[in-house]
């Protein structure tokens, strides 16, 4: 049975999460690679560390010291958009 909770990306498409909120979450994670729960929008929190660690491409990019800042940003953004936030 599929997980019925929406992803951050689905909430973004529904305009429940803004581009600014996603970018802020990316910056929080890139500032603290062990960041935990983060309020992504009213009523939703996402575990940033879990989102990135469980996304193999994002983990690979962050482990690559030669990856540019833009590539790192996009990898973390993708991982966050695919994450399933918790309702608070």
N, C-alpha and C. Protein backbone atom coordinates (compact mmCIF):
# COMPACT_ATOMS: atom_id res chain seq x y z
N UNK A 1 0.84 -1.17 0.00
CA UNK A 1 0.00 0.00 0.00
C UNK A 1 0.89 1.25 0.00
N UNK A 2 0.59 2.18 -0.86
CA UNK A 2 1.39 3.41 -0.99
C UNK A 2 1.16 4.33 0.20
N UNK A 3 2.20 5.10 0.50
CA UNK A 3 2.12 6.08 1.59
C UNK A 3 1.22 7.23 1.14
N UNK A 4 0.12 7.49 1.85
CA UNK A 4 -0.82 8.52 1.42
C UNK A 4 -0.37 9.96 1.72
N UNK A 5 0.67 10.13 2.52
CA UNK A 5 1.08 11.49 2.85
C UNK A 5 1.78 12.12 1.65
N UNK A 6 1.54 13.39 1.40
CA UNK A 6 2.13 14.05 0.23
C UNK A 6 3.61 14.33 0.43
N UNK A 7 4.34 14.43 -0.66
CA UNK A 7 5.74 14.83 -0.60
C UNK A 7 5.79 16.35 -0.51
N UNK A 8 6.95 16.88 -0.18
CA UNK A 8 7.13 18.33 -0.18
C UNK A 8 6.85 18.86 -1.59
N UNK A 9 7.28 18.12 -2.61
CA UNK A 9 7.05 18.53 -3.98
C UNK A 9 5.56 18.62 -4.31
N UNK A 10 4.79 17.67 -3.82
CA UNK A 10 3.34 17.71 -4.04
C UNK A 10 2.71 18.89 -3.32
N UNK A 11 3.20 19.17 -2.12
CA UNK A 11 2.71 20.35 -1.39
C UNK A 11 3.11 21.63 -2.11
N UNK A 12 4.29 21.62 -2.73
CA UNK A 12 4.77 22.76 -3.51
C UNK A 12 3.84 22.99 -4.71
N UNK A 13 3.50 21.94 -5.41
CA UNK A 13 2.60 22.04 -6.56
C UNK A 13 1.22 22.55 -6.14
N UNK A 14 0.80 22.17 -4.94
CA UNK A 14 -0.51 22.60 -4.42
C UNK A 14 -0.44 23.98 -3.79
N UNK A 15 0.75 24.60 -3.82
CA UNK A 15 0.99 25.93 -3.28
C UNK A 15 0.85 26.00 -1.75
N UNK A 16 1.03 24.85 -1.10
CA UNK A 16 1.04 24.81 0.36
C UNK A 16 2.44 25.09 0.89
N UNK A 17 3.45 24.94 0.02
CA UNK A 17 4.84 25.23 0.33
C UNK A 17 5.35 26.14 -0.79
N UNK A 18 6.06 27.19 -0.41
CA UNK A 18 6.56 28.14 -1.41
C UNK A 18 8.00 27.81 -1.82
N UNK A 19 8.41 28.40 -2.92
CA UNK A 19 9.78 28.26 -3.38
C UNK A 19 10.75 28.79 -2.33
N UNK A 20 10.38 29.90 -1.69
CA UNK A 20 11.22 30.49 -0.66
C UNK A 20 11.39 29.54 0.53
N UNK A 21 10.32 28.83 0.89
CA UNK A 21 10.40 27.90 2.02
C UNK A 21 11.30 26.71 1.68
N UNK A 22 11.20 26.22 0.45
CA UNK A 22 12.06 25.11 0.04
C UNK A 22 13.52 25.58 0.02
N UNK A 23 13.77 26.73 -0.56
CA UNK A 23 15.14 27.25 -0.61
C UNK A 23 15.70 27.51 0.78
N UNK A 24 14.87 27.99 1.69
CA UNK A 24 15.31 28.21 3.07
C UNK A 24 15.71 26.88 3.71
N UNK A 25 14.94 25.83 3.46
CA UNK A 25 15.26 24.51 4.01
C UNK A 25 16.59 24.01 3.43
N UNK A 26 16.81 24.25 2.15
CA UNK A 26 18.07 23.86 1.52
C UNK A 26 19.23 24.57 2.20
N UNK A 27 19.09 25.87 2.41
CA UNK A 27 20.16 26.65 3.04
C UNK A 27 20.42 26.20 4.47
N UNK A 28 19.35 25.87 5.20
CA UNK A 28 19.52 25.37 6.57
C UNK A 28 20.35 24.09 6.53
N UNK A 29 20.02 23.20 5.61
CA UNK A 29 20.76 21.94 5.55
C UNK A 29 22.20 22.16 5.13
N UNK A 30 22.42 22.97 4.12
CA UNK A 30 23.79 23.19 3.65
C UNK A 30 24.65 23.90 4.69
N UNK A 31 24.02 24.63 5.59
CA UNK A 31 24.74 25.29 6.68
C UNK A 31 25.06 24.30 7.80
N UNK A 32 24.16 23.34 8.02
CA UNK A 32 24.33 22.34 9.07
C UNK A 32 23.95 20.99 8.49
N UNK A 33 24.95 20.22 8.05
CA UNK A 33 24.69 18.94 7.39
C UNK A 33 24.05 17.90 8.30
N UNK A 34 23.88 18.22 9.55
CA UNK A 34 23.19 17.32 10.47
C UNK A 34 21.89 17.93 10.97
N UNK A 35 21.37 18.89 10.22
CA UNK A 35 20.11 19.53 10.61
C UNK A 35 19.02 18.46 10.72
N UNK A 36 18.19 18.61 11.69
CA UNK A 36 17.11 17.65 11.89
C UNK A 36 15.79 18.18 11.39
N UNK A 37 14.82 18.19 12.27
CA UNK A 37 13.47 18.62 11.90
C UNK A 37 13.46 20.11 11.58
N UNK A 38 12.75 20.45 10.52
CA UNK A 38 12.67 21.84 10.07
C UNK A 38 11.22 22.11 9.66
N UNK A 39 10.68 23.22 10.15
CA UNK A 39 9.32 23.62 9.77
C UNK A 39 9.37 24.12 8.33
N UNK A 40 8.80 23.35 7.42
CA UNK A 40 8.85 23.69 6.00
C UNK A 40 7.69 24.61 5.62
N UNK A 41 6.57 24.49 6.32
CA UNK A 41 5.40 25.33 6.07
C UNK A 41 4.48 25.20 7.27
N UNK A 42 3.47 26.05 7.30
CA UNK A 42 2.51 25.97 8.40
C UNK A 42 1.92 24.57 8.48
N UNK A 43 2.15 23.93 9.60
CA UNK A 43 1.58 22.61 9.84
C UNK A 43 2.41 21.44 9.33
N UNK A 44 3.60 21.69 8.79
CA UNK A 44 4.44 20.61 8.27
C UNK A 44 5.89 20.78 8.71
N UNK A 45 6.51 19.68 9.10
CA UNK A 45 7.94 19.65 9.38
C UNK A 45 8.56 18.52 8.57
N UNK A 46 9.81 18.71 8.20
CA UNK A 46 10.53 17.69 7.44
C UNK A 46 11.87 17.46 8.10
N UNK A 47 12.28 16.21 8.17
CA UNK A 47 13.59 15.86 8.72
C UNK A 47 14.59 16.02 7.59
N UNK A 48 15.31 17.13 7.58
CA UNK A 48 16.23 17.44 6.49
C UNK A 48 17.34 16.41 6.36
N UNK A 49 17.91 16.01 7.48
CA UNK A 49 19.00 15.04 7.45
C UNK A 49 18.52 13.72 6.86
N UNK A 50 17.38 13.23 7.30
CA UNK A 50 16.85 11.97 6.78
C UNK A 50 16.53 12.09 5.29
N UNK A 51 15.99 13.24 4.88
CA UNK A 51 15.66 13.43 3.47
C UNK A 51 16.89 13.29 2.59
N UNK A 52 18.00 13.89 3.02
CA UNK A 52 19.22 13.86 2.21
C UNK A 52 19.93 12.52 2.32
N UNK A 53 20.03 11.99 3.52
CA UNK A 53 20.74 10.73 3.72
C UNK A 53 20.07 9.58 2.96
N UNK A 54 18.76 9.58 2.87
CA UNK A 54 18.06 8.49 2.19
C UNK A 54 17.98 8.70 0.68
N UNK A 55 18.42 9.83 0.19
CA UNK A 55 18.43 10.10 -1.25
C UNK A 55 19.86 9.86 -1.75
N UNK A 56 20.06 8.75 -2.46
CA UNK A 56 21.42 8.33 -2.81
C UNK A 56 22.18 9.35 -3.66
N UNK A 57 21.52 10.01 -4.60
CA UNK A 57 22.21 10.99 -5.44
C UNK A 57 22.67 12.18 -4.60
N UNK A 58 21.79 12.69 -3.74
CA UNK A 58 22.17 13.82 -2.89
C UNK A 58 23.33 13.44 -1.98
N UNK A 59 23.29 12.26 -1.42
CA UNK A 59 24.40 11.81 -0.57
C UNK A 59 25.69 11.73 -1.35
N UNK A 60 25.62 11.21 -2.57
CA UNK A 60 26.80 11.10 -3.43
C UNK A 60 27.37 12.48 -3.74
N UNK A 61 26.51 13.42 -4.11
CA UNK A 61 26.95 14.77 -4.47
C UNK A 61 27.61 15.44 -3.27
N UNK A 62 27.00 15.35 -2.10
CA UNK A 62 27.55 16.01 -0.93
C UNK A 62 28.88 15.40 -0.49
N UNK A 63 29.08 14.14 -0.80
CA UNK A 63 30.34 13.49 -0.45
C UNK A 63 31.46 13.86 -1.43
N UNK A 64 31.08 14.39 -2.58
CA UNK A 64 32.05 14.76 -3.60
C UNK A 64 32.55 16.18 -3.34
N UNK A 65 33.78 16.31 -2.90
CA UNK A 65 34.34 17.62 -2.58
C UNK A 65 34.46 18.53 -3.79
N UNK A 66 34.45 17.96 -4.98
CA UNK A 66 34.58 18.75 -6.20
C UNK A 66 33.23 19.24 -6.74
N UNK A 67 32.14 18.84 -6.13
CA UNK A 67 30.82 19.27 -6.59
C UNK A 67 30.65 20.77 -6.34
N UNK A 68 30.13 21.46 -7.33
CA UNK A 68 29.95 22.91 -7.21
C UNK A 68 28.81 23.22 -6.22
N UNK A 69 28.78 24.45 -5.78
CA UNK A 69 27.73 24.89 -4.86
C UNK A 69 26.35 24.73 -5.50
N UNK A 70 26.24 25.02 -6.79
CA UNK A 70 24.96 24.90 -7.47
C UNK A 70 24.49 23.44 -7.54
N UNK A 71 25.41 22.54 -7.81
CA UNK A 71 25.05 21.12 -7.88
C UNK A 71 24.65 20.62 -6.49
N UNK A 72 25.37 21.04 -5.47
CA UNK A 72 25.04 20.65 -4.09
C UNK A 72 23.65 21.17 -3.72
N UNK A 73 23.39 22.43 -4.06
CA UNK A 73 22.08 23.04 -3.78
C UNK A 73 20.96 22.24 -4.47
N UNK A 74 21.14 21.94 -5.74
CA UNK A 74 20.11 21.23 -6.49
C UNK A 74 19.90 19.81 -5.97
N UNK A 75 20.96 19.15 -5.55
CA UNK A 75 20.83 17.80 -5.00
C UNK A 75 20.02 17.81 -3.70
N UNK A 76 20.34 18.75 -2.82
CA UNK A 76 19.62 18.85 -1.55
C UNK A 76 18.17 19.25 -1.81
N UNK A 77 17.94 20.18 -2.74
CA UNK A 77 16.58 20.61 -3.08
C UNK A 77 15.75 19.42 -3.58
N UNK A 78 16.35 18.60 -4.45
CA UNK A 78 15.64 17.43 -4.96
C UNK A 78 15.27 16.48 -3.83
N UNK A 79 16.23 16.23 -2.95
CA UNK A 79 15.96 15.32 -1.81
C UNK A 79 14.83 15.85 -0.93
N UNK A 80 14.83 17.14 -0.69
CA UNK A 80 13.77 17.74 0.14
C UNK A 80 12.43 17.68 -0.56
N UNK A 81 12.39 17.96 -1.85
CA UNK A 81 11.13 17.91 -2.59
C UNK A 81 10.54 16.50 -2.61
N UNK A 82 11.37 15.49 -2.56
CA UNK A 82 10.90 14.10 -2.57
C UNK A 82 10.56 13.57 -1.17
N UNK A 83 10.93 14.31 -0.15
CA UNK A 83 10.68 13.88 1.23
C UNK A 83 9.19 14.00 1.58
N UNK A 84 8.77 13.19 2.52
CA UNK A 84 7.39 13.23 3.01
C UNK A 84 7.39 13.89 4.39
N UNK A 85 6.90 15.12 4.46
CA UNK A 85 6.91 15.82 5.74
C UNK A 85 5.86 15.26 6.70
N UNK A 86 6.03 15.58 7.94
CA UNK A 86 5.06 15.19 8.97
C UNK A 86 4.15 16.37 9.27
N UNK A 87 2.87 16.08 9.48
CA UNK A 87 1.95 17.13 9.90
C UNK A 87 2.17 17.39 11.38
N UNK A 88 2.11 18.69 11.73
CA UNK A 88 2.28 19.02 13.14
C UNK A 88 0.95 19.47 13.73
